[in-house]
């Protein structure tokens, strides 16, 4: 087995101090500017935010406050449009007490597209 960040510790598990040292060494050897290992977590959570709802993201990240999760969620027109399309598809033909003929035209969901 190849270990990316090998560490000889009593527990057999990598420890934070070992990880920091090995990360700094990997940056130095590869010739890239040093960056904090936390950058990996931030990048991962930011990418996941495009594919999952914010509450699931908060759960996976282990955040105790939703305010922390908001740092990773960057809504834009495309993600908003996708969310509205999913909501429209999820309504599943709900027809209790009304139908499209009795709904005022200005209240019907419209999905706008851009060219």
PDB file of N, CA and C in Angstrom:
ATOM      1  N   UNK A   1       0.836  -1.175   0.000  1.00  0.00           N
ATOM      2  CA  UNK A   1       0.000   0.000   0.000  1.00  0.00           C
ATOM      3  C   UNK A   1       0.888   1.248   0.000  1.00  0.00           C
ATOM      4  N   UNK A   2       0.533   2.203  -0.826  1.00  0.00           N
ATOM      5  CA  UNK A   2       1.273   3.455  -0.894  1.00  0.00           C
ATOM      6  C   UNK A   2       0.577   4.473  -0.010  1.00  0.00           C
ATOM      7  N   UNK A   3       1.338   5.131   0.816  1.00  0.00           N
ATOM      8  CA  UNK A   3       0.775   6.160   1.680  1.00  0.00           C
ATOM      9  C   UNK A   3       1.175   7.524   1.149  1.00  0.00           C
ATOM     10  N   UNK A   4       0.198   8.393   1.018  1.00  0.00           N
ATOM     11  CA  UNK A   4       0.472   9.730   0.536  1.00  0.00           C
ATOM     12  C   UNK A   4       1.216  10.538   1.580  1.00  0.00           C
ATOM     13  N   UNK A   5       0.773  10.467   2.824  1.00  0.00           N
ATOM     14  CA  UNK A   5       1.407  11.182   3.926  1.00  0.00           C
ATOM     15  C   UNK A   5       1.748  10.178   5.031  1.00  0.00           C
ATOM     16  N   UNK A   6       2.818   9.409   4.860  1.00  0.00           N
ATOM     17  CA  UNK A   6       3.144   8.394   5.864  1.00  0.00           C
ATOM     18  C   UNK A   6       3.543   9.032   7.201  1.00  0.00           C
ATOM     19  N   UNK A   7       3.178   8.369   8.272  1.00  0.00           N
ATOM     20  CA  UNK A   7       3.538   8.844   9.609  1.00  0.00           C
ATOM     21  C   UNK A   7       3.776   7.647  10.505  1.00  0.00           C
ATOM     22  N   UNK A   8       4.860   7.665  11.216  1.00  0.00           N
ATOM     23  CA  UNK A   8       5.154   6.594  12.167  1.00  0.00           C
ATOM     24  C   UNK A   8       4.725   7.074  13.547  1.00  0.00           C
ATOM     25  N   UNK A   9       3.515   6.780  13.892  1.00  0.00           N
ATOM     26  CA  UNK A   9       2.982   7.200  15.179  1.00  0.00           C
ATOM     27  C   UNK A   9       2.619   5.960  15.985  1.00  0.00           C
ATOM     28  N   UNK A  10       2.486   6.135  17.279  1.00  0.00           N
ATOM     29  CA  UNK A  10       2.154   5.022  18.158  1.00  0.00           C
ATOM     30  C   UNK A  10       0.780   4.444  17.819  1.00  0.00           C
ATOM     31  N   UNK A  11      -0.157   5.311  17.432  1.00  0.00           N
ATOM     32  CA  UNK A  11      -1.511   4.843  17.134  1.00  0.00           C
ATOM     33  C   UNK A  11      -1.612   4.205  15.750  1.00  0.00           C
ATOM     34  N   UNK A  12      -0.634   4.476  14.898  1.00  0.00           N
ATOM     35  CA  UNK A  12      -0.692   3.976  13.534  1.00  0.00           C
ATOM     36  C   UNK A  12      -1.519   4.866  12.624  1.00  0.00           C
ATOM     37  N   UNK A  13      -2.084   5.935  13.184  1.00  0.00           N
ATOM     38  CA  UNK A  13      -2.883   6.878  12.419  1.00  0.00           C
ATOM     39  C   UNK A  13      -2.109   8.176  12.243  1.00  0.00           C
ATOM     40  N   UNK A  14      -2.384   8.843  11.162  1.00  0.00           N
ATOM     41  CA  UNK A  14      -1.728  10.127  10.942  1.00  0.00           C
ATOM     42  C   UNK A  14      -2.256  11.136  11.949  1.00  0.00           C
ATOM     43  N   UNK A  15      -1.384  11.953  12.446  1.00  0.00           N
ATOM     44  CA  UNK A  15      -1.768  12.978  13.403  1.00  0.00           C
ATOM     45  C   UNK A  15      -1.633  14.338  12.737  1.00  0.00           C
ATOM     46  N   UNK A  16      -2.309  15.326  13.302  1.00  0.00           N
ATOM     47  CA  UNK A  16      -2.340  16.645  12.682  1.00  0.00           C
ATOM     48  C   UNK A  16      -0.943  17.225  12.476  1.00  0.00           C
ATOM     49  N   UNK A  17      -0.064  17.085  13.444  1.00  0.00           N
ATOM     50  CA  UNK A  17       1.287  17.650  13.306  1.00  0.00           C
ATOM     51  C   UNK A  17       2.051  16.955  12.173  1.00  0.00           C
ATOM     52  N   UNK A  18       1.865  15.632  12.039  1.00  0.00           N
ATOM     53  CA  UNK A  18       2.525  14.904  10.961  1.00  0.00           C
ATOM     54  C   UNK A  18       1.997  15.341   9.608  1.00  0.00           C
ATOM     55  N   UNK A  19       0.689  15.529   9.531  1.00  0.00           N
ATOM     56  CA  UNK A  19       0.075  15.936   8.276  1.00  0.00           C
ATOM     57  C   UNK A  19       0.591  17.300   7.838  1.00  0.00           C
ATOM     58  N   UNK A  20       0.678  18.237   8.764  1.00  0.00           N
ATOM     59  CA  UNK A  20       1.167  19.574   8.422  1.00  0.00           C
ATOM     60  C   UNK A  20       2.598  19.522   7.891  1.00  0.00           C
ATOM     61  N   UNK A  21       3.444  18.729   8.555  1.00  0.00           N
ATOM     62  CA  UNK A  21       4.838  18.613   8.115  1.00  0.00           C
ATOM     63  C   UNK A  21       4.928  17.964   6.741  1.00  0.00           C
ATOM     64  N   UNK A  22       4.197  16.883   6.544  1.00  0.00           N
ATOM     65  CA  UNK A  22       4.237  16.178   5.257  1.00  0.00           C
ATOM     66  C   UNK A  22       3.650  17.035   4.133  1.00  0.00           C
ATOM     67  N   UNK A  23       2.607  17.786   4.430  1.00  0.00           N
ATOM     68  CA  UNK A  23       2.001  18.662   3.428  1.00  0.00           C
ATOM     69  C   UNK A  23       2.994  19.746   3.006  1.00  0.00           C
ATOM     70  N   UNK A  24       3.661  20.350   3.979  1.00  0.00           N
ATOM     71  CA  UNK A  24       4.660  21.383   3.676  1.00  0.00           C
ATOM     72  C   UNK A  24       5.781  20.799   2.818  1.00  0.00           C
ATOM     73  N   UNK A  25       6.203  19.593   3.151  1.00  0.00           N
ATOM     74  CA  UNK A  25       7.261  18.928   2.377  1.00  0.00           C
ATOM     75  C   UNK A  25       6.792  18.635   0.955  1.00  0.00           C
ATOM     76  N   UNK A  26       5.546  18.173   0.793  1.00  0.00           N
ATOM     77  CA  UNK A  26       5.011  17.880  -0.541  1.00  0.00           C
ATOM     78  C   UNK A  26       4.928  19.147  -1.383  1.00  0.00           C
ATOM     79  N   UNK A  27       4.529  20.259  -0.780  1.00  0.00           N
ATOM     80  CA  UNK A  27       4.481  21.531  -1.517  1.00  0.00           C
ATOM     81  C   UNK A  27       5.881  21.945  -1.954  1.00  0.00           C
ATOM     82  N   UNK A  28       6.838  21.813  -1.045  1.00  0.00           N
ATOM     83  CA  UNK A  28       8.217  22.199  -1.337  1.00  0.00           C
ATOM     84  C   UNK A  28       8.790  21.340  -2.466  1.00  0.00           C
ATOM     85  N   UNK A  29       8.612  20.026  -2.389  1.00  0.00           N
ATOM     86  CA  UNK A  29       9.149  19.108  -3.398  1.00  0.00           C
ATOM     87  C   UNK A  29       8.500  19.346  -4.767  1.00  0.00           C
ATOM     88  N   UNK A  30       7.202  19.608  -4.760  1.00  0.00           N
ATOM     89  CA  UNK A  30       6.495  19.796  -6.040  1.00  0.00           C
ATOM     90  C   UNK A  30       6.700  21.186  -6.624  1.00  0.00           C
ATOM     91  N   UNK A  31       7.261  22.095  -5.832  1.00  0.00           N
ATOM     92  CA  UNK A  31       7.536  23.434  -6.335  1.00  0.00           C
ATOM     93  C   UNK A  31       6.316  24.342  -6.371  1.00  0.00           C
ATOM     94  N   UNK A  32       5.259  23.975  -5.626  1.00  0.00           N
ATOM     95  CA  UNK A  32       4.087  24.844  -5.589  1.00  0.00           C
ATOM     96  C   UNK A  32       4.107  25.678  -4.326  1.00  0.00           C
ATOM     97  N   UNK A  33       3.441  26.807  -4.372  1.00  0.00           N
ATOM     98  CA  UNK A  33       3.368  27.681  -3.214  1.00  0.00           C
ATOM     99  C   UNK A  33       2.597  26.978  -2.100  1.00  0.00           C
ATOM    100  N   UNK A  34       3.097  27.086  -0.889  1.00  0.00           N
ATOM    101  CA  UNK A  34       2.438  26.439   0.248  1.00  0.00           C
ATOM    102  C   UNK A  34       1.048  27.025   0.456  1.00  0.00           C
ATOM    103  N   UNK A  35       0.115  26.167   0.751  1.00  0.00           N
ATOM    104  CA  UNK A  35      -1.254  26.576   1.071  1.00  0.00           C
ATOM    105  C   UNK A  35      -1.711  25.720   2.243  1.00  0.00           C
ATOM    106  N   UNK A  36      -2.618  26.219   3.045  1.00  0.00           N
ATOM    107  CA  UNK A  36      -3.061  25.443   4.213  1.00  0.00           C
ATOM    108  C   UNK A  36      -3.847  24.204   3.792  1.00  0.00           C
ATOM    109  N   UNK A  37      -3.649  23.084   4.458  1.00  0.00           N
ATOM    110  CA  UNK A  37      -4.408  21.871   4.127  1.00  0.00           C
ATOM    111  C   UNK A  37      -5.921  22.075   4.203  1.00  0.00           C
ATOM    112  N   UNK A  38      -6.369  23.048   4.997  1.00  0.00           N
ATOM    113  CA  UNK A  38      -7.799  23.338   5.107  1.00  0.00           C
ATOM    114  C   UNK A  38      -8.402  23.683   3.741  1.00  0.00           C
ATOM    115  N   UNK A  39      -7.564  24.157   2.817  1.00  0.00           N
ATOM    116  CA  UNK A  39      -8.027  24.503   1.471  1.00  0.00           C
ATOM    117  C   UNK A  39      -8.711  23.316   0.812  1.00  0.00           C
ATOM    118  N   UNK A  40      -8.234  22.097   1.067  1.00  0.00           N
ATOM    119  CA  UNK A  40      -8.860  20.901   0.495  1.00  0.00           C
ATOM    120  C   UNK A  40     -10.310  20.770   0.979  1.00  0.00           C
ATOM    121  N   UNK A  41     -10.526  20.971   2.270  1.00  0.00           N
ATOM    122  CA  UNK A  41     -11.872  20.873   2.844  1.00  0.00           C
ATOM    123  C   UNK A  41     -12.773  21.955   2.256  1.00  0.00           C
ATOM    124  N   UNK A  42     -12.266  23.181   2.208  1.00  0.00           N
ATOM    125  CA  UNK A  42     -13.061  24.287   1.694  1.00  0.00           C
ATOM    126  C   UNK A  42     -13.459  24.041   0.235  1.00  0.00           C
ATOM    127  N   UNK A  43     -12.503  23.598  -0.572  1.00  0.00           N
ATOM    128  CA  UNK A  43     -12.786  23.320  -1.982  1.00  0.00           C
ATOM    129  C   UNK A  43     -13.814  22.212  -2.121  1.00  0.00           C
ATOM    130  N   UNK A  44     -13.657  21.152  -1.354  1.00  0.00           N
ATOM    131  CA  UNK A  44     -14.590  20.026  -1.406  1.00  0.00           C
ATOM    132  C   UNK A  44     -15.999  20.472  -1.043  1.00  0.00           C
ATOM    133  N   UNK A  45     -16.156  21.193   0.056  1.00  0.00           N
ATOM    134  CA  UNK A  45     -17.481  21.616   0.485  1.00  0.00           C
ATOM    135  C   UNK A  45     -18.101  22.602  -0.502  1.00  0.00           C
ATOM    136  N   UNK A  46     -17.281  23.468  -1.090  1.00  0.00           N
ATOM    137  CA  UNK A  46     -17.791  24.407  -2.086  1.00  0.00           C
ATOM    138  C   UNK A  46     -18.290  23.661  -3.309  1.00  0.00           C
ATOM    139  N   UNK A  47     -17.554  22.650  -3.761  1.00  0.00           N
ATOM    140  CA  UNK A  47     -17.998  21.852  -4.913  1.00  0.00           C
ATOM    141  C   UNK A  47     -19.259  21.068  -4.583  1.00  0.00           C
ATOM    142  N   UNK A  48     -19.315  20.459  -3.395  1.00  0.00           N
ATOM    143  CA  UNK A  48     -20.503  19.704  -2.993  1.00  0.00           C
ATOM    144  C   UNK A  48     -21.736  20.596  -2.924  1.00  0.00           C
ATOM    145  N   UNK A  49     -21.546  21.876  -2.591  1.00  0.00           N
ATOM    146  CA  UNK A  49     -22.690  22.770  -2.433  1.00  0.00           C
ATOM    147  C   UNK A  49     -23.490  22.918  -3.720  1.00  0.00           C
ATOM    148  N   UNK A  50     -22.877  22.642  -4.860  1.00  0.00           N
ATOM    149  CA  UNK A  50     -23.585  22.716  -6.141  1.00  0.00           C
ATOM    150  C   UNK A  50     -24.476  21.504  -6.363  1.00  0.00           C
ATOM    151  N   UNK A  51     -24.232  20.419  -5.624  1.00  0.00           N
ATOM    152  CA  UNK A  51     -24.931  19.162  -5.874  1.00  0.00           C
ATOM    153  C   UNK A  51     -25.843  18.700  -4.747  1.00  0.00           C
ATOM    154  N   UNK A  52     -25.806  19.382  -3.616  1.00  0.00           N
ATOM    155  CA  UNK A  52     -26.626  18.956  -2.489  1.00  0.00           C
ATOM    156  C   UNK A  52     -27.281  20.173  -1.845  1.00  0.00           C
ATOM    157  N   UNK A  53     -28.302  19.930  -1.088  1.00  0.00           N
ATOM    158  CA  UNK A  53     -28.955  21.058  -0.433  1.00  0.00           C
ATOM    159  C   UNK A  53     -28.109  21.514   0.752  1.00  0.00           C
ATOM    160  N   UNK A  54     -28.256  22.761   1.153  1.00  0.00           N
ATOM    161  CA  UNK A  54     -27.414  23.316   2.221  1.00  0.00           C
ATOM    162  C   UNK A  54     -27.510  22.569   3.550  1.00  0.00           C
ATOM    163  N   UNK A  55     -28.676  21.994   3.850  1.00  0.00           N
ATOM    164  CA  UNK A  55     -28.824  21.290   5.125  1.00  0.00           C
ATOM    165  C   UNK A  55     -28.042  19.980   5.121  1.00  0.00           C
ATOM    166  N   UNK A  56     -28.044  19.272   4.003  1.00  0.00           N
ATOM    167  CA  UNK A  56     -27.235  18.058   3.899  1.00  0.00           C
ATOM    168  C   UNK A  56     -25.749  18.419   3.960  1.00  0.00           C
ATOM    169  N   UNK A  57     -25.378  19.510   3.310  1.00  0.00           N
ATOM    170  CA  UNK A  57     -23.983  19.959   3.335  1.00  0.00           C
ATOM    171  C   UNK A  57     -23.552  20.260   4.768  1.00  0.00           C
ATOM    172  N   UNK A  58     -24.400  20.935   5.527  1.00  0.00           N
ATOM    173  CA  UNK A  58     -24.081  21.241   6.926  1.00  0.00           C
ATOM    174  C   UNK A  58     -23.893  19.963   7.728  1.00  0.00           C
ATOM    175  N   UNK A  59     -24.743  18.976   7.471  1.00  0.00           N
ATOM    176  CA  UNK A  59     -24.641  17.693   8.175  1.00  0.00           C
ATOM    177  C   UNK A  59     -23.319  17.001   7.850  1.00  0.00           C
ATOM    178  N   UNK A  60     -22.998  16.898   6.547  1.00  0.00           N
ATOM    179  CA  UNK A  60     -21.762  16.221   6.135  1.00  0.00           C
ATOM    180  C   UNK A  60     -20.523  16.935   6.650  1.00  0.00           C
ATOM    181  N   UNK A  61     -20.589  18.262   6.718  1.00  0.00           N
ATOM    182  CA  UNK A  61     -19.438  19.039   7.174  1.00  0.00           C
ATOM    183  C   UNK A  61     -19.309  19.039   8.694  1.00  0.00           C
ATOM    184  N   UNK A  62     -20.372  18.636   9.393  1.00  0.00           N
ATOM    185  CA  UNK A  62     -20.328  18.622  10.849  1.00  0.00           C
ATOM    186  C   UNK A  62     -20.469  20.001  11.459  1.00  0.00           C
ATOM    187  N   UNK A  63     -21.101  20.911  10.735  1.00  0.00           N
ATOM    188  CA  UNK A  63     -21.270  22.265  11.248  1.00  0.00           C
ATOM    189  C   UNK A  63     -22.381  22.296  12.298  1.00  0.00           C
ATOM    190  N   UNK A  64     -22.135  23.000  13.387  1.00  0.00           N
ATOM    191  CA  UNK A  64     -23.157  23.144  14.418  1.00  0.00           C
ATOM    192  C   UNK A  64     -24.014  24.378  14.168  1.00  0.00           C
ATOM    193  N   UNK A  65     -23.544  25.260  13.324  1.00  0.00           N
ATOM    194  CA  UNK A  65     -24.289  26.469  12.979  1.00  0.00           C
ATOM    195  C   UNK A  65     -24.419  26.566  11.464  1.00  0.00           C
ATOM    196  N   UNK A  66     -25.629  26.854  11.006  1.00  0.00           N
ATOM    197  CA  UNK A  66     -25.849  26.990   9.573  1.00  0.00           C
ATOM    198  C   UNK A  66     -25.117  28.209   9.012  1.00  0.00           C
ATOM    199  N   UNK A  67     -24.799  29.162   9.859  1.00  0.00           N
ATOM    200  CA  UNK A  67     -24.046  30.346   9.432  1.00  0.00           C
ATOM    201  C   UNK A  67     -22.708  29.917   8.831  1.00  0.00           C
ATOM    202  N   UNK A  68     -22.080  28.913   9.411  1.00  0.00           N
ATOM    203  CA  UNK A  68     -20.806  28.407   8.890  1.00  0.00           C
ATOM    204  C   UNK A  68     -20.994  27.817   7.506  1.00  0.00           C
ATOM    205  N   UNK A  69     -22.056  27.062   7.310  1.00  0.00           N
ATOM    206  CA  UNK A  69     -22.312  26.416   6.018  1.00  0.00           C
ATOM    207  C   UNK A  69     -22.530  27.444   4.921  1.00  0.00           C
ATOM    208  N   UNK A  70     -23.100  28.578   5.262  1.00  0.00           N
ATOM    209  CA  UNK A  70     -23.378  29.614   4.252  1.00  0.00           C
ATOM    210  C   UNK A  70     -22.114  30.094   3.552  1.00  0.00           C
ATOM    211  N   UNK A  71     -20.957  29.905   4.146  1.00  0.00           N
ATOM    212  CA  UNK A  71     -19.691  30.305   3.498  1.00  0.00           C
ATOM    213  C   UNK A  71     -19.434  29.521   2.213  1.00  0.00           C
ATOM    214  N   UNK A  72     -19.996  28.330   2.137  1.00  0.00           N
ATOM    215  CA  UNK A  72     -19.714  27.438   1.020  1.00  0.00           C
ATOM    216  C   UNK A  72     -20.778  27.478  -0.063  1.00  0.00           C
ATOM    217  N   UNK A  73     -21.928  28.022   0.253  1.00  0.00           N
ATOM    218  CA  UNK A  73     -23.045  28.028  -0.686  1.00  0.00           C
ATOM    219  C   UNK A  73     -23.025  29.350  -1.453  1.00  0.00           C
ATOM    220  N   UNK A  74     -22.850  29.244  -2.759  1.00  0.00           N
ATOM    221  CA  UNK A  74     -22.776  30.426  -3.615  1.00  0.00           C
ATOM    222  C   UNK A  74     -23.870  30.342  -4.670  1.00  0.00           C
ATOM    223  N   UNK A  75     -25.095  30.718  -4.295  1.00  0.00           N
ATOM    224  CA  UNK A  75     -26.189  30.593  -5.257  1.00  0.00           C
ATOM    225  C   UNK A  75     -25.993  31.541  -6.438  1.00  0.00           C
ATOM    226  N   UNK A  76     -26.458  31.103  -7.579  1.00  0.00           N
ATOM    227  CA  UNK A  76     -26.427  31.941  -8.770  1.00  0.00           C
ATOM    228  C   UNK A  76     -27.658  31.616  -9.603  1.00  0.00           C
ATOM    229  N   UNK A  77     -27.811  32.269 -10.727  1.00  0.00           N
ATOM    230  CA  UNK A  77     -29.007  32.088 -11.534  1.00  0.00           C
ATOM    231  C   UNK A  77     -29.152  30.629 -11.979  1.00  0.00           C
ATOM    232  N   UNK A  78     -28.053  29.987 -12.343  1.00  0.00           N
ATOM    233  CA  UNK A  78     -28.129  28.612 -12.836  1.00  0.00           C
ATOM    234  C   UNK A  78     -28.562  27.642 -11.734  1.00  0.00           C
ATOM    235  N   UNK A  79     -27.969  27.755 -10.546  1.00  0.00           N
ATOM    236  CA  UNK A  79     -28.362  26.844  -9.469  1.00  0.00           C
ATOM    237  C   UNK A  79     -29.794  27.136  -9.012  1.00  0.00           C
ATOM    238  N   UNK A  80     -30.193  28.404  -9.060  1.00  0.00           N
ATOM    239  CA  UNK A  80     -31.573  28.755  -8.729  1.00  0.00           C
ATOM    240  C   UNK A  80     -32.556  28.171  -9.731  1.00  0.00           C
ATOM    241  N   UNK A  81     -32.205  28.252 -11.009  1.00  0.00           N
ATOM    242  CA  UNK A  81     -33.063  27.697 -12.058  1.00  0.00           C
ATOM    243  C   UNK A  81     -33.183  26.182 -11.903  1.00  0.00           C
ATOM    244  N   UNK A  82     -32.077  25.520 -11.639  1.00  0.00           N
ATOM    245  CA  UNK A  82     -32.085  24.074 -11.459  1.00  0.00           C
ATOM    246  C   UNK A  82     -32.962  23.679 -10.267  1.00  0.00           C
ATOM    247  N   UNK A  83     -32.853  24.418  -9.172  1.00  0.00           N
ATOM    248  CA  UNK A  83     -33.666  24.135  -7.987  1.00  0.00           C
ATOM    249  C   UNK A  83     -35.150  24.318  -8.294  1.00  0.00           C
ATOM    250  N   UNK A  84     -35.496  25.361  -9.038  1.00  0.00           N
ATOM    251  CA  UNK A  84     -36.897  25.597  -9.378  1.00  0.00           C
ATOM    252  C   UNK A  84     -37.420  24.507 -10.314  1.00  0.00           C
ATOM    253  N   UNK A  85     -36.591  24.048 -11.238  1.00  0.00           N
ATOM    254  CA  UNK A  85     -37.006  22.964 -12.139  1.00  0.00           C
ATOM    255  C   UNK A  85     -37.247  21.674 -11.353  1.00  0.00           C
ATOM    256  N   UNK A  86     -36.361  21.374 -10.392  1.00  0.00           N
ATOM    257  CA  UNK A  86     -36.546  20.182  -9.556  1.00  0.00           C
ATOM    258  C   UNK A  86     -37.827  20.289  -8.740  1.00  0.00           C
ATOM    259  N   UNK A  87     -38.097  21.471  -8.200  1.00  0.00           N
ATOM    260  CA  UNK A  87     -39.316  21.676  -7.417  1.00  0.00           C
ATOM    261  C   UNK A  87     -40.549  21.513  -8.306  1.00  0.00           C
ATOM    262  N   UNK A  88     -40.473  22.020  -9.513  1.00  0.00           N
ATOM    263  CA  UNK A  88     -41.596  21.904 -10.446  1.00  0.00           C
ATOM    264  C   UNK A  88     -41.855  20.438 -10.798  1.00  0.00           C
ATOM    265  N   UNK A  89     -40.796  19.674 -11.038  1.00  0.00           N
ATOM    266  CA  UNK A  89     -40.932  18.252 -11.364  1.00  0.00           C
ATOM    267  C   UNK A  89     -41.442  17.455 -10.169  1.00  0.00           C
ATOM    268  N   UNK A  90     -41.078  17.864  -8.968  1.00  0.00           N
ATOM    269  CA  UNK A  90     -41.446  17.123  -7.760  1.00  0.00           C
ATOM    270  C   UNK A  90     -42.908  17.299  -7.381  1.00  0.00           C
ATOM    271  N   UNK A  91     -43.561  18.275  -7.936  1.00  0.00           N
ATOM    272  CA  UNK A  91     -44.963  18.483  -7.538  1.00  0.00           C
ATOM    273  C   UNK A  91     -45.830  17.303  -7.926  1.00  0.00           C
ATOM    274  N   UNK A  92     -45.394  16.491  -8.882  1.00  0.00           N
ATOM    275  CA  UNK A  92     -46.011  15.206  -9.187  1.00  0.00           C
ATOM    276  C   UNK A  92     -47.476  15.241  -9.564  1.00  0.00           C
ATOM    277  N   UNK A  93     -47.916  16.271 -10.242  1.00  0.00           N
ATOM    278  CA  UNK A  93     -49.290  16.304 -10.711  1.00  0.00           C
ATOM    279  C   UNK A  93     -50.301  16.609  -9.626  1.00  0.00           C
ATOM    280  N   UNK A  94     -49.913  17.324  -8.612  1.00  0.00           N
ATOM    281  CA  UNK A  94     -50.811  17.693  -7.519  1.00  0.00           C
ATOM    282  C   UNK A  94     -52.028  18.425  -8.082  1.00  0.00           C
ATOM    283  N   UNK A  95     -53.206  17.891  -7.837  1.00  0.00           N
ATOM    284  CA  UNK A  95     -54.430  18.457  -8.400  1.00  0.00           C
ATOM    285  C   UNK A  95     -55.565  18.519  -7.378  1.00  0.00           C
ATOM    286  N   UNK A  96     -55.281  18.632  -6.112  1.00  0.00           N
ATOM    287  CA  UNK A  96     -56.332  18.625  -5.103  1.00  0.00           C
ATOM    288  C   UNK A  96     -57.049  19.972  -5.109  1.00  0.00           C
ATOM    289  N   UNK A  97     -58.320  19.945  -5.539  1.00  0.00           N
ATOM    290  CA  UNK A  97     -59.150  21.124  -5.465  1.00  0.00           C
ATOM    291  C   UNK A  97     -58.952  22.160  -6.549  1.00  0.00           C
ATOM    292  N   UNK A  98     -58.056  21.927  -7.470  1.00  0.00           N
ATOM    293  CA  UNK A  98     -57.892  22.885  -8.562  1.00  0.00           C
ATOM    294  C   UNK A  98     -57.216  22.214  -9.748  1.00  0.00           C
ATOM    295  N   UNK A  99     -57.242  22.884 -10.851  1.00  0.00           N
ATOM    296  CA  UNK A  99     -56.518  22.414 -12.022  1.00  0.00           C
ATOM    297  C   UNK A  99     -55.962  23.621 -12.752  1.00  0.00           C
ATOM    298  N   UNK A 100     -55.230  23.403 -13.816  1.00  0.00           N
ATOM    299  CA  UNK A 100     -54.601  24.510 -14.529  1.00  0.00           C
ATOM    300  C   UNK A 100     -55.610  25.495 -15.084  1.00  0.00           C
ATOM    301  N   UNK A 101     -56.843  25.057 -15.360  1.00  0.00           N
ATOM    302  CA  UNK A 101     -57.865  25.947 -15.914  1.00  0.00           C
ATOM    303  C   UNK A 101     -58.374  26.946 -14.878  1.00  0.00           C
ATOM    304  N   UNK A 102     -58.291  26.584 -13.588  1.00  0.00           N
ATOM    305  CA  UNK A 102     -58.819  27.472 -12.554  1.00  0.00           C
ATOM    306  C   UNK A 102     -57.737  28.291 -11.864  1.00  0.00           C
ATOM    307  N   UNK A 103     -56.485  28.082 -12.241  1.00  0.00           N
ATOM    308  CA  UNK A 103     -55.385  28.830 -11.649  1.00  0.00           C
ATOM    309  C   UNK A 103     -55.146  30.074 -12.487  1.00  0.00           C
ATOM    310  N   UNK A 104     -55.042  31.207 -11.832  1.00  0.00           N
ATOM    311  CA  UNK A 104     -54.800  32.456 -12.553  1.00  0.00           C
ATOM    312  C   UNK A 104     -53.482  32.367 -13.311  1.00  0.00           C
ATOM    313  N   UNK A 105     -53.436  32.836 -14.558  1.00  0.00           N
ATOM    314  CA  UNK A 105     -52.218  32.720 -15.380  1.00  0.00           C
ATOM    315  C   UNK A 105     -50.981  33.322 -14.724  1.00  0.00           C
ATOM    316  N   UNK A 106     -51.145  34.396 -13.958  1.00  0.00           N
ATOM    317  CA  UNK A 106     -49.974  35.032 -13.357  1.00  0.00           C
ATOM    318  C   UNK A 106     -49.380  34.224 -12.211  1.00  0.00           C
ATOM    319  N   UNK A 107     -50.088  33.182 -11.724  1.00  0.00           N
ATOM    320  CA  UNK A 107     -49.556  32.374 -10.629  1.00  0.00           C
ATOM    321  C   UNK A 107     -48.921  31.070 -11.103  1.00  0.00           C
ATOM    322  N   UNK A 108     -49.014  30.778 -12.386  1.00  0.00           N
ATOM    323  CA  UNK A 108     -48.412  29.543 -12.909  1.00  0.00           C
ATOM    324  C   UNK A 108     -46.900  29.680 -12.939  1.00  0.00           C
ATOM    325  N   UNK A 109     -46.212  28.584 -12.648  1.00  0.00           N
ATOM    326  CA  UNK A 109     -44.752  28.565 -12.662  1.00  0.00           C
ATOM    327  C   UNK A 109     -44.238  28.708 -14.076  1.00  0.00           C
ATOM    328  N   UNK A 110     -43.336  29.626 -14.275  1.00  0.00           N
ATOM    329  CA  UNK A 110     -42.709  29.803 -15.574  1.00  0.00           C
ATOM    330  C   UNK A 110     -41.212  29.619 -15.392  1.00  0.00           C
ATOM    331  N   UNK A 111     -40.620  28.806 -16.248  1.00  0.00           N
ATOM    332  CA  UNK A 111     -39.185  28.598 -16.214  1.00  0.00           C
ATOM    333  C   UNK A 111     -38.598  29.364 -17.376  1.00  0.00           C
ATOM    334  N   UNK A 112     -37.747  30.331 -17.073  1.00  0.00           N
ATOM    335  CA  UNK A 112     -37.145  31.158 -18.108  1.00  0.00           C
ATOM    336  C   UNK A 112     -35.801  30.581 -18.502  1.00  0.00           C
ATOM    337  N   UNK A 113     -35.505  30.655 -19.760  1.00  0.00           N
ATOM    338  CA  UNK A 113     -34.199  30.215 -20.229  1.00  0.00           C
ATOM    339  C   UNK A 113     -33.494  31.382 -20.878  1.00  0.00           C
ATOM    340  N   UNK A 114     -32.182  31.325 -20.862  1.00  0.00           N
ATOM    341  CA  UNK A 114     -31.389  32.361 -21.524  1.00  0.00           C
ATOM    342  C   UNK A 114     -30.603  31.725 -22.640  1.00  0.00           C
ATOM    343  N   UNK A 115     -30.333  32.475 -23.634  1.00  0.00           N
ATOM    344  CA  UNK A 115     -29.557  31.953 -24.780  1.00  0.00           C
ATOM    345  C   UNK A 115     -28.119  32.325 -24.661  1.00  0.00           C
TER     346      UNK A 115
END
